[in-house]
Amino acid sequence: MDFVQVDVFADTPYSGNPLAVFPDAADLTRGQMQAIAAEMNLSETTFVTGYDGESYEMRIFTPREELPFAGHPTLGTAWVLRRMERLTSSEVTQRTGAGATAVTISDGDLVRFRRTGRASEDLKATRGDIDSAIARALGLEPSDIGLEPRELGRSVARLNPARSEAGIMHFLVPVRDRATLGRCAPNAALLTEVTEGLGAYCYTATAAGALQARGFFPSFGIDEDPGTGSAAACLGILLSDRLGALDVVVTQGIEMGRPCKIHLEADADWVEVGGHCQLVFEGRLVSVP
C-alpha cells in the first residue's frame, strides 16, 4: 500500500508538522489503521476511504486513538489528493467523524479549511484555583497564566483559560509572554487530569497580528505537537468571541525546531485555518498488520 508524507504549515520541506497520508485505505480495518498510525509515530496519520472529484472521506489516527477531526491532517490530505488529481475542484468537502468540512485550495497552494464552533465561558468560578492547577501542570507560576488583550491591540477584559470547540474540543491557555511560553514544561499526568484529557494549547501575543503557541496533548500520545490546526481553529473561535473579527498568523513548533506558520481568520460565526504543504517523500507499506 502506497503512502505520501508531507509537511503541513511549512514554507519549506523539513519544517512544519509531518503527516502520513494513505490514499487507498478503504479496505483497512480500524485496528489496522491504528497499528499503522502507531508505526508511523507522527502526530496524526490519515486514511482515505472514498473520494470523487469534489469530496473525500477519511479517518484520522494519532499513535493511540482515532480523532473525529484534526487540522493539519485536513489540509495535508486535501493537498495530497489534489496533487494526485483525485480532487478536481479547488473547493472540496471533507467528511470525517465530525461531519463535513469545507476545504479550499488556492492557486498559490495555500490550503484552508472553514468550520463553525463555540467558545465556553472563562473557567472563572474558582479563578485562583484554576490558574494554580494549570500553572502547576505546565511547570509555571499562577501569575504566568492569562494575557492582557492590549498585547493584541484590543481593549477588553483579560483573556483567561477557556474551552473552545470547532470540530473537536480544546483547552486554551493564554500565558503572559513569549518567554513564559518557552518555559512550559508539562507534567503529563497532571496536565491530563487538570484538563480532563484534553491537553493544553498555550498561546501568547508576540506582535500586532501575530501569536505564538505550543500544543501539549499527552493523553493522545503527543507530548508536543509542532502545528495544531484544530486548536488554532478553536483559538480563532474564542478570540473572535472575546475580541471581534481577527486575521492573524500563529507560529508554532519553534521550540521543537519544526516551525509552523498557521494563517488564522475568524469572525462571529466561522473560522478559517490555512497553511502551505511540502512533499517530503512517497513510500510503500510492505507489510499490512
C-alpha atoms as a PDB file:
ATOM      1  CA  MET A   1       0.000   0.000   0.000  1.00  0.00           C
ATOM      2  CA  ASP A   2       1.440   3.342  -1.068  1.00  0.00           C
ATOM      3  CA  PHE A   3       1.509   6.422   1.142  1.00  0.00           C
ATOM      4  CA  VAL A   4       2.734  10.008   0.994  1.00  0.00           C
ATOM      5  CA  GLN A   5       4.355  12.086   3.712  1.00  0.00           C
ATOM      6  CA  VAL A   6       4.002  15.866   3.651  1.00  0.00           C
ATOM      7  CA  ASP A   7       4.944  18.727   5.946  1.00  0.00           C
ATOM      8  CA  VAL A   8       1.948  20.944   6.739  1.00  0.00           C
ATOM      9  CA  PHE A   9       2.075  24.624   7.756  1.00  0.00           C
ATOM     10  CA  ALA A  10       5.525  24.600   6.162  1.00  0.00           C
ATOM     11  CA  ASP A  11       7.136  27.152   3.880  1.00  0.00           C
ATOM     12  CA  THR A  12       9.976  24.706   3.145  1.00  0.00           C
ATOM     13  CA  PRO A  13      10.365  20.908   3.447  1.00  0.00           C
ATOM     14  CA  TYR A  14      11.582  19.535   6.781  1.00  0.00           C
ATOM     15  CA  SER A  15       9.675  22.151   8.739  1.00  0.00           C
ATOM     16  CA  GLY A  16       6.028  22.296   9.770  1.00  0.00           C
ATOM     17  CA  ASN A  17       4.065  19.290  11.047  1.00  0.00           C
ATOM     18  CA  PRO A  18       4.637  15.936   9.286  1.00  0.00           C
ATOM     19  CA  LEU A  19       1.626  13.941   8.100  1.00  0.00           C
ATOM     20  CA  ALA A  20       1.387  10.487   6.533  1.00  0.00           C
ATOM     21  CA  VAL A  21      -1.491  10.052   4.071  1.00  0.00           C
ATOM     22  CA  PHE A  22      -2.729   6.643   2.870  1.00  0.00           C
ATOM     23  CA  PRO A  23      -4.884   7.499  -0.164  1.00  0.00           C
ATOM     24  CA  ASP A  24      -6.256   3.974  -0.819  1.00  0.00           C
ATOM     25  CA  ALA A  25      -7.309   2.728   2.599  1.00  0.00           C
ATOM     26  CA  ALA A  26     -10.927   1.683   2.070  1.00  0.00           C
ATOM     27  CA  ASP A  27     -10.180  -1.992   2.769  1.00  0.00           C
ATOM     28  CA  LEU A  28      -8.321  -1.468   6.042  1.00  0.00           C
ATOM     29  CA  THR A  29      -9.971  -2.228   9.364  1.00  0.00           C
ATOM     30  CA  ARG A  30      -9.918   0.216  12.243  1.00  0.00           C
ATOM     31  CA  GLY A  31      -7.387  -1.988  14.027  1.00  0.00           C
ATOM     32  CA  GLN A  32      -5.088  -1.983  11.010  1.00  0.00           C
ATOM     33  CA  MET A  33      -5.305   1.810  10.743  1.00  0.00           C
ATOM     34  CA  GLN A  34      -4.448   2.211  14.411  1.00  0.00           C
ATOM     35  CA  ALA A  35      -1.480  -0.153  14.139  1.00  0.00           C
ATOM     36  CA  ILE A  36      -0.151   1.689  11.079  1.00  0.00           C
ATOM     37  CA  ALA A  37      -0.554   5.084  12.795  1.00  0.00           C
ATOM     38  CA  ALA A  38       1.380   3.786  15.799  1.00  0.00           C
ATOM     39  CA  GLU A  39       4.120   2.570  13.465  1.00  0.00           C
ATOM     40  CA  MET A  40       4.297   5.914  11.635  1.00  0.00           C
ATOM     41  CA  ASN A  41       4.547   7.587  15.074  1.00  0.00           C
ATOM     42  CA  LEU A  42       3.519  11.037  13.833  1.00  0.00           C
ATOM     43  CA  SER A  43       1.017  13.349  15.483  1.00  0.00           C
ATOM     44  CA  GLU A  44      -1.577  12.053  13.010  1.00  0.00           C
ATOM     45  CA  THR A  45      -1.893   9.687  10.072  1.00  0.00           C
ATOM     46  CA  THR A  46      -4.856   9.796   7.681  1.00  0.00           C
ATOM     47  CA  PHE A  47      -6.624   7.053   5.741  1.00  0.00           C
ATOM     48  CA  VAL A  48      -8.755   7.995   2.736  1.00  0.00           C
ATOM     49  CA  THR A  49     -11.733   5.661   2.423  1.00  0.00           C
ATOM     50  CA  GLY A  50     -13.527   7.258  -0.520  1.00  0.00           C
ATOM     51  CA  TYR A  51     -13.413  10.203  -2.892  1.00  0.00           C
ATOM     52  CA  ASP A  52     -14.789  11.841  -6.000  1.00  0.00           C
ATOM     53  CA  GLY A  53     -13.715  14.998  -7.784  1.00  0.00           C
ATOM     54  CA  GLU A  54     -15.235  17.346  -5.204  1.00  0.00           C
ATOM     55  CA  SER A  55     -15.206  15.442  -1.904  1.00  0.00           C
ATOM     56  CA  TYR A  56     -13.451  12.764   0.094  1.00  0.00           C
ATOM     57  CA  GLU A  57     -13.920  10.678   3.214  1.00  0.00           C
ATOM     58  CA  MET A  58     -11.109   9.926   5.631  1.00  0.00           C
ATOM     59  CA  ARG A  59     -10.262   8.714   9.123  1.00  0.00           C
ATOM     60  CA  ILE A  60      -7.647  10.293  11.374  1.00  0.00           C
ATOM     61  CA  PHE A  61      -5.476   8.461  13.904  1.00  0.00           C
ATOM     62  CA  THR A  62      -2.912   9.559  16.455  1.00  0.00           C
ATOM     63  CA  PRO A  63      -0.461   6.902  17.681  1.00  0.00           C
ATOM     64  CA  ARG A  64      -3.078   5.994  20.333  1.00  0.00           C
ATOM     65  CA  GLU A  65      -6.581   6.699  19.094  1.00  0.00           C
ATOM     66  CA  GLU A  66      -8.911   7.882  16.355  1.00  0.00           C
ATOM     67  CA  LEU A  67      -9.976  11.529  16.172  1.00  0.00           C
ATOM     68  CA  PRO A  68     -13.203  12.917  14.687  1.00  0.00           C
ATOM     69  CA  PHE A  69     -11.357  15.922  13.279  1.00  0.00           C
ATOM     70  CA  ALA A  70      -7.888  17.470  13.137  1.00  0.00           C
ATOM     71  CA  GLY A  71      -6.480  20.497  11.355  1.00  0.00           C
ATOM     72  CA  HIS A  72      -3.165  19.649   9.732  1.00  0.00           C
ATOM     73  CA  PRO A  73      -4.498  16.248   8.531  1.00  0.00           C
ATOM     74  CA  THR A  74      -7.376  18.088   6.842  1.00  0.00           C
ATOM     75  CA  LEU A  75      -5.066  20.440   4.939  1.00  0.00           C
ATOM     76  CA  GLY A  76      -2.407  17.849   4.138  1.00  0.00           C
ATOM     77  CA  THR A  77      -4.817  15.194   2.895  1.00  0.00           C
ATOM     78  CA  ALA A  78      -6.684  17.623   0.634  1.00  0.00           C
ATOM     79  CA  TRP A  79      -3.373  18.852  -0.791  1.00  0.00           C
ATOM     80  CA  VAL A  80      -2.185  15.292  -1.494  1.00  0.00           C
ATOM     81  CA  LEU A  81      -5.445  14.264  -3.191  1.00  0.00           C
ATOM     82  CA  ARG A  82      -5.418  17.395  -5.322  1.00  0.00           C
ATOM     83  CA  ARG A  83      -1.803  16.736  -6.301  1.00  0.00           C
ATOM     84  CA  MET A  84      -2.795  13.165  -7.275  1.00  0.00           C
ATOM     85  CA  GLU A  85      -5.659  14.661  -9.346  1.00  0.00           C
ATOM     86  CA  ARG A  86      -8.237  12.757  -7.343  1.00  0.00           C
ATOM     87  CA  LEU A  87      -9.757  16.100  -6.426  1.00  0.00           C
ATOM     88  CA  THR A  88     -10.505  18.179  -9.488  1.00  0.00           C
ATOM     89  CA  SER A  89     -12.120  21.200  -7.820  1.00  0.00           C
ATOM     90  CA  SER A  90     -10.405  23.909  -5.778  1.00  0.00           C
ATOM     91  CA  GLU A  91     -13.347  23.899  -3.345  1.00  0.00           C
ATOM     92  CA  VAL A  92     -13.997  20.496  -1.834  1.00  0.00           C
ATOM     93  CA  THR A  93     -15.787  18.843   1.070  1.00  0.00           C
ATOM     94  CA  GLN A  94     -14.054  16.613   3.594  1.00  0.00           C
ATOM     95  CA  ARG A  95     -16.101  14.101   5.590  1.00  0.00           C
ATOM     96  CA  THR A  96     -14.889  12.703   8.911  1.00  0.00           C
ATOM     97  CA  GLY A  97     -16.423  11.740  12.233  1.00  0.00           C
ATOM     98  CA  ALA A  98     -17.029  15.431  12.919  1.00  0.00           C
ATOM     99  CA  GLY A  99     -19.124  15.822   9.771  1.00  0.00           C
ATOM    100  CA  ALA A 100     -18.460  17.934   6.698  1.00  0.00           C
ATOM    101  CA  THR A 101     -15.617  20.454   6.476  1.00  0.00           C
ATOM    102  CA  ALA A 102     -15.205  22.902   3.599  1.00  0.00           C
ATOM    103  CA  VAL A 103     -11.663  22.981   2.201  1.00  0.00           C
ATOM    104  CA  THR A 104     -10.281  25.431  -0.370  1.00  0.00           C
ATOM    105  CA  ILE A 105      -7.018  25.070  -2.309  1.00  0.00           C
ATOM    106  CA  SER A 106      -5.883  28.354  -3.851  1.00  0.00           C
ATOM    107  CA  ASP A 107      -3.690  28.859  -6.908  1.00  0.00           C
ATOM    108  CA  GLY A 108      -0.724  29.591  -4.640  1.00  0.00           C
ATOM    109  CA  ASP A 109      -1.197  26.176  -2.976  1.00  0.00           C
ATOM    110  CA  LEU A 110      -2.447  27.729   0.249  1.00  0.00           C
ATOM    111  CA  VAL A 111      -4.940  25.237   1.688  1.00  0.00           C
ATOM    112  CA  ARG A 112      -7.671  26.443   4.052  1.00  0.00           C
ATOM    113  CA  PHE A 113     -10.484  24.804   5.944  1.00  0.00           C
ATOM    114  CA  ARG A 114     -13.549  26.544   7.348  1.00  0.00           C
ATOM    115  CA  ARG A 115     -15.653  25.474  10.301  1.00  0.00           C
ATOM    116  CA  THR A 116     -18.084  26.861  12.813  1.00  0.00           C
ATOM    117  CA  GLY A 117     -17.711  26.385  16.556  1.00  0.00           C
ATOM    118  CA  ARG A 118     -18.392  27.685  20.018  1.00  0.00           C
ATOM    119  CA  ALA A 119     -16.368  29.041  22.919  1.00  0.00           C
ATOM    120  CA  SER A 120     -17.069  28.387  26.593  1.00  0.00           C
ATOM    121  CA  GLU A 121     -17.206  30.970  29.310  1.00  0.00           C
ATOM    122  CA  ASP A 122     -13.875  31.599  31.034  1.00  0.00           C
ATOM    123  CA  LEU A 123     -13.092  28.966  33.636  1.00  0.00           C
ATOM    124  CA  LYS A 124     -13.535  31.525  36.391  1.00  0.00           C
ATOM    125  CA  ALA A 125     -15.834  30.044  39.014  1.00  0.00           C
ATOM    126  CA  THR A 126     -12.759  29.322  41.130  1.00  0.00           C
ATOM    127  CA  ARG A 127     -10.349  31.583  39.273  1.00  0.00           C
ATOM    128  CA  GLY A 128      -7.322  31.268  41.552  1.00  0.00           C
ATOM    129  CA  ASP A 129      -7.623  27.502  41.908  1.00  0.00           C
ATOM    130  CA  ILE A 130      -7.831  27.024  38.147  1.00  0.00           C
ATOM    131  CA  ASP A 131      -4.832  29.222  37.410  1.00  0.00           C
ATOM    132  CA  SER A 132      -2.800  27.476  40.100  1.00  0.00           C
ATOM    133  CA  ALA A 133      -3.699  23.992  38.880  1.00  0.00           C
ATOM    134  CA  ILE A 134      -2.952  24.809  35.242  1.00  0.00           C
ATOM    135  CA  ALA A 135       0.290  26.533  36.196  1.00  0.00           C
ATOM    136  CA  ARG A 136       1.476  23.507  38.188  1.00  0.00           C
ATOM    137  CA  ALA A 137       0.624  21.194  35.317  1.00  0.00           C
ATOM    138  CA  LEU A 138       2.637  23.353  32.900  1.00  0.00           C
ATOM    139  CA  GLY A 139       5.581  23.974  35.227  1.00  0.00           C
ATOM    140  CA  LEU A 140       4.697  27.672  35.564  1.00  0.00           C
ATOM    141  CA  GLU A 141       3.591  30.125  38.254  1.00  0.00           C
ATOM    142  CA  PRO A 142      -0.063  31.215  38.641  1.00  0.00           C
ATOM    143  CA  SER A 143       0.930  34.757  37.690  1.00  0.00           C
ATOM    144  CA  ASP A 144       2.124  33.422  34.317  1.00  0.00           C
ATOM    145  CA  ILE A 145      -1.427  32.435  33.322  1.00  0.00           C
ATOM    146  CA  GLY A 146      -3.563  34.990  31.463  1.00  0.00           C
ATOM    147  CA  LEU A 147      -2.998  37.579  28.751  1.00  0.00           C
ATOM    148  CA  GLU A 148      -3.909  41.246  28.511  1.00  0.00           C
ATOM    149  CA  PRO A 149      -5.644  41.899  25.160  1.00  0.00           C
ATOM    150  CA  ARG A 150      -3.783  45.206  24.770  1.00  0.00           C
ATOM    151  CA  GLU A 151      -0.974  42.953  23.548  1.00  0.00           C
ATOM    152  CA  LEU A 152      -3.333  42.150  20.661  1.00  0.00           C
ATOM    153  CA  GLY A 153      -4.291  45.770  20.103  1.00  0.00           C
ATOM    154  CA  ARG A 154      -7.703  45.385  21.761  1.00  0.00           C
ATOM    155  CA  SER A 155      -9.123  46.995  24.896  1.00  0.00           C
ATOM    156  CA  VAL A 156     -11.292  44.365  26.546  1.00  0.00           C
ATOM    157  CA  ALA A 157     -11.103  42.177  29.605  1.00  0.00           C
ATOM    158  CA  ARG A 158      -8.148  39.901  30.353  1.00  0.00           C
ATOM    159  CA  LEU A 159      -8.010  36.618  28.442  1.00  0.00           C
ATOM    160  CA  ASN A 160      -8.260  33.585  30.711  1.00  0.00           C
ATOM    161  CA  PRO A 161      -8.160  29.797  30.226  1.00  0.00           C
ATOM    162  CA  ALA A 162     -11.259  28.517  28.423  1.00  0.00           C
ATOM    163  CA  ARG A 163     -12.525  25.616  26.368  1.00  0.00           C
ATOM    164  CA  SER A 164     -13.473  26.029  22.724  1.00  0.00           C
ATOM    165  CA  GLU A 165     -14.818  23.663  20.073  1.00  0.00           C
ATOM    166  CA  ALA A 166     -14.514  23.652  16.271  1.00  0.00           C
ATOM    167  CA  GLY A 167     -14.919  20.015  15.292  1.00  0.00           C
ATOM    168  CA  ILE A 168     -13.006  18.866  18.375  1.00  0.00           C
ATOM    169  CA  MET A 169     -12.733  20.418  21.845  1.00  0.00           C
ATOM    170  CA  HIS A 170      -9.527  22.115  23.016  1.00  0.00           C
ATOM    171  CA  PHE A 171      -8.393  23.601  26.319  1.00  0.00           C
ATOM    172  CA  LEU A 172      -6.841  27.005  25.565  1.00  0.00           C
ATOM    173  CA  VAL A 173      -4.368  28.597  27.977  1.00  0.00           C
ATOM    174  CA  PRO A 174      -3.136  32.179  27.473  1.00  0.00           C
ATOM    175  CA  VAL A 175       0.269  32.898  29.006  1.00  0.00           C
ATOM    176  CA  ARG A 176       1.955  36.166  29.816  1.00  0.00           C
ATOM    177  CA  ASP A 177       4.642  36.407  27.108  1.00  0.00           C
ATOM    178  CA  ARG A 178       6.925  34.506  24.742  1.00  0.00           C
ATOM    179  CA  ALA A 179       9.492  33.770  27.444  1.00  0.00           C
ATOM    180  CA  THR A 180       6.774  32.201  29.588  1.00  0.00           C
ATOM    181  CA  LEU A 181       5.625  30.105  26.644  1.00  0.00           C
ATOM    182  CA  GLY A 182       9.171  28.845  26.192  1.00  0.00           C
ATOM    183  CA  ARG A 183       9.361  27.793  29.857  1.00  0.00           C
ATOM    184  CA  CYS A 184       6.351  25.479  29.651  1.00  0.00           C
ATOM    185  CA  ALA A 185       7.433  22.038  30.892  1.00  0.00           C
ATOM    186  CA  PRO A 186       4.275  19.972  31.350  1.00  0.00           C
ATOM    187  CA  ASN A 187       3.767  17.167  33.840  1.00  0.00           C
ATOM    188  CA  ALA A 188       1.882  14.789  31.540  1.00  0.00           C
ATOM    189  CA  ALA A 189      -0.175  13.046  34.229  1.00  0.00           C
ATOM    190  CA  LEU A 190      -1.134  16.265  35.990  1.00  0.00           C
ATOM    191  CA  LEU A 191      -1.945  18.067  32.738  1.00  0.00           C
ATOM    192  CA  THR A 192      -4.196  15.205  31.651  1.00  0.00           C
ATOM    193  CA  GLU A 193      -6.004  15.334  34.998  1.00  0.00           C
ATOM    194  CA  VAL A 194      -6.452  19.116  35.113  1.00  0.00           C
ATOM    195  CA  THR A 195      -7.724  19.372  31.523  1.00  0.00           C
ATOM    196  CA  GLU A 196      -9.834  16.192  31.699  1.00  0.00           C
ATOM    197  CA  GLY A 197      -7.751  14.549  28.979  1.00  0.00           C
ATOM    198  CA  LEU A 198      -7.787  17.447  26.519  1.00  0.00           C
ATOM    199  CA  GLY A 199      -4.204  18.620  26.989  1.00  0.00           C
ATOM    200  CA  ALA A 200      -3.394  22.309  26.611  1.00  0.00           C
ATOM    201  CA  TYR A 201      -2.932  24.712  23.714  1.00  0.00           C
ATOM    202  CA  CYS A 202      -0.879  27.552  25.201  1.00  0.00           C
ATOM    203  CA  TYR A 203      -0.663  30.866  23.360  1.00  0.00           C
ATOM    204  CA  THR A 204       0.589  34.415  23.692  1.00  0.00           C
ATOM    205  CA  ALA A 205       0.848  37.609  21.634  1.00  0.00           C
ATOM    206  CA  THR A 206       4.187  38.423  20.004  1.00  0.00           C
ATOM    207  CA  ALA A 207       3.341  41.434  17.797  1.00  0.00           C
ATOM    208  CA  ALA A 208       0.391  43.138  16.162  1.00  0.00           C
ATOM    209  CA  GLY A 209      -1.417  40.426  14.216  1.00  0.00           C
ATOM    210  CA  ALA A 210       0.918  37.688  15.462  1.00  0.00           C
ATOM    211  CA  LEU A 211       0.553  34.930  18.041  1.00  0.00           C
ATOM    212  CA  GLN A 212       2.815  32.094  19.128  1.00  0.00           C
ATOM    213  CA  ALA A 213       1.577  28.800  20.513  1.00  0.00           C
ATOM    214  CA  ARG A 214       2.584  25.398  21.851  1.00  0.00           C
ATOM    215  CA  GLY A 215       0.359  22.317  21.987  1.00  0.00           C
ATOM    216  CA  PHE A 216       0.682  19.554  24.599  1.00  0.00           C
ATOM    217  CA  PHE A 217      -1.604  16.507  24.217  1.00  0.00           C
ATOM    218  CA  PRO A 218      -0.105  13.598  26.217  1.00  0.00           C
ATOM    219  CA  SER A 219      -3.327  11.582  26.502  1.00  0.00           C
ATOM    220  CA  PHE A 220      -3.361  11.309  22.679  1.00  0.00           C
ATOM    221  CA  GLY A 221       0.251  10.105  22.570  1.00  0.00           C
ATOM    222  CA  ILE A 222       1.509  13.560  21.546  1.00  0.00           C
ATOM    223  CA  ASP A 223       3.856  15.096  24.102  1.00  0.00           C
ATOM    224  CA  GLU A 224       4.129  18.227  21.967  1.00  0.00           C
ATOM    225  CA  ASP A 225       2.618  18.920  18.558  1.00  0.00           C
ATOM    226  CA  PRO A 226       4.536  21.032  16.022  1.00  0.00           C
ATOM    227  CA  GLY A 227       1.397  22.604  14.489  1.00  0.00           C
ATOM    228  CA  THR A 228      -2.197  22.099  15.627  1.00  0.00           C
ATOM    229  CA  GLY A 229      -4.755  23.354  13.130  1.00  0.00           C
ATOM    230  CA  SER A 230      -7.797  22.217  15.111  1.00  0.00           C
ATOM    231  CA  ALA A 231      -6.560  24.062  18.199  1.00  0.00           C
ATOM    232  CA  ALA A 232      -5.828  27.148  16.116  1.00  0.00           C
ATOM    233  CA  ALA A 233      -9.416  26.984  14.857  1.00  0.00           C
ATOM    234  CA  CYS A 234     -10.668  26.770  18.439  1.00  0.00           C
ATOM    235  CA  LEU A 235      -8.463  29.735  19.311  1.00  0.00           C
ATOM    236  CA  GLY A 236      -9.952  31.714  16.434  1.00  0.00           C
ATOM    237  CA  ILE A 237     -13.467  30.941  17.669  1.00  0.00           C
ATOM    238  CA  LEU A 238     -12.514  32.025  21.196  1.00  0.00           C
ATOM    239  CA  LEU A 239     -10.710  35.232  20.236  1.00  0.00           C
ATOM    240  CA  SER A 240     -13.381  36.368  17.786  1.00  0.00           C
ATOM    241  CA  ASP A 241     -15.939  35.818  20.540  1.00  0.00           C
ATOM    242  CA  ARG A 242     -13.912  37.853  23.032  1.00  0.00           C
ATOM    243  CA  LEU A 243     -12.280  40.453  20.778  1.00  0.00           C
ATOM    244  CA  GLY A 244     -14.179  40.587  17.486  1.00  0.00           C
ATOM    245  CA  ALA A 245     -13.110  39.644  13.954  1.00  0.00           C
ATOM    246  CA  LEU A 246      -9.428  38.833  13.549  1.00  0.00           C
ATOM    247  CA  ASP A 247      -6.871  37.928  10.897  1.00  0.00           C
ATOM    248  CA  VAL A 248      -3.552  36.782  12.385  1.00  0.00           C
ATOM    249  CA  VAL A 249      -0.617  34.441  11.863  1.00  0.00           C
ATOM    250  CA  VAL A 250       0.098  31.858  14.550  1.00  0.00           C
ATOM    251  CA  THR A 251       3.583  30.383  14.782  1.00  0.00           C
ATOM    252  CA  GLN A 252       4.060  27.044  16.498  1.00  0.00           C
ATOM    253  CA  GLY A 253       6.737  24.362  16.746  1.00  0.00           C
ATOM    254  CA  ILE A 254       9.564  26.866  17.286  1.00  0.00           C
ATOM    255  CA  GLU A 255      10.839  25.129  20.423  1.00  0.00           C
ATOM    256  CA  MET A 256      10.826  21.787  18.573  1.00  0.00           C
ATOM    257  CA  GLY A 257      12.814  23.022  15.591  1.00  0.00           C
ATOM    258  CA  ARG A 258       9.725  22.438  13.390  1.00  0.00           C
ATOM    259  CA  PRO A 259       8.466  25.988  12.686  1.00  0.00           C
ATOM    260  CA  CYS A 260       4.857  26.179  11.549  1.00  0.00           C
ATOM    261  CA  LYS A 261       3.051  29.178  10.060  1.00  0.00           C
ATOM    262  CA  ILE A 262      -0.710  28.965  10.591  1.00  0.00           C
ATOM    263  CA  HIS A 263      -2.978  31.513   8.899  1.00  0.00           C
ATOM    264  CA  LEU A 264      -5.975  32.189  11.140  1.00  0.00           C
ATOM    265  CA  GLU A 265      -9.030  34.259  10.285  1.00  0.00           C
ATOM    266  CA  ALA A 266     -12.287  34.315  12.243  1.00  0.00           C
ATOM    267  CA  ASP A 267     -15.500  36.250  12.661  1.00  0.00           C
ATOM    268  CA  ALA A 268     -18.658  35.846  14.696  1.00  0.00           C
ATOM    269  CA  ASP A 269     -19.846  32.531  13.265  1.00  0.00           C
ATOM    270  CA  TRP A 270     -16.917  30.994  11.357  1.00  0.00           C
ATOM    271  CA  VAL A 271     -13.187  30.327  11.438  1.00  0.00           C
ATOM    272  CA  GLU A 272     -10.668  29.602   8.672  1.00  0.00           C
ATOM    273  CA  VAL A 273      -7.286  27.975   9.185  1.00  0.00           C
ATOM    274  CA  GLY A 274      -4.734  27.737   6.395  1.00  0.00           C
ATOM    275  CA  GLY A 275      -1.186  26.801   5.556  1.00  0.00           C
ATOM    276  CA  HIS A 276       1.163  25.552   2.876  1.00  0.00           C
ATOM    277  CA  CYS A 277       2.197  21.917   2.360  1.00  0.00           C
ATOM    278  CA  GLN A 278       5.510  20.460   1.207  1.00  0.00           C
ATOM    279  CA  LEU A 279       6.015  16.992  -0.266  1.00  0.00           C
ATOM    280  CA  VAL A 280       8.733  15.116   1.629  1.00  0.00           C
ATOM    281  CA  PHE A 281       8.611  11.542   0.370  1.00  0.00           C
ATOM    282  CA  GLU A 282       6.479   8.806  -1.149  1.00  0.00           C
ATOM    283  CA  GLY A 283       6.706   5.301   0.233  1.00  0.00           C
ATOM    284  CA  ARG A 284       5.154   1.839   0.310  1.00  0.00           C
ATOM    285  CA  LEU A 285       3.910  -0.144   3.271  1.00  0.00           C
ATOM    286  CA  VAL A 286       5.218  -3.647   2.577  1.00  0.00           C
ATOM    287  CA  SER A 287       3.524  -5.439   5.468  1.00  0.00           C
ATOM    288  CA  VAL A 288      -0.117  -4.771   6.410  1.00  0.00           C
ATOM    289  CA  PRO A 289      -0.820  -5.661  10.077  1.00  0.00           C
END
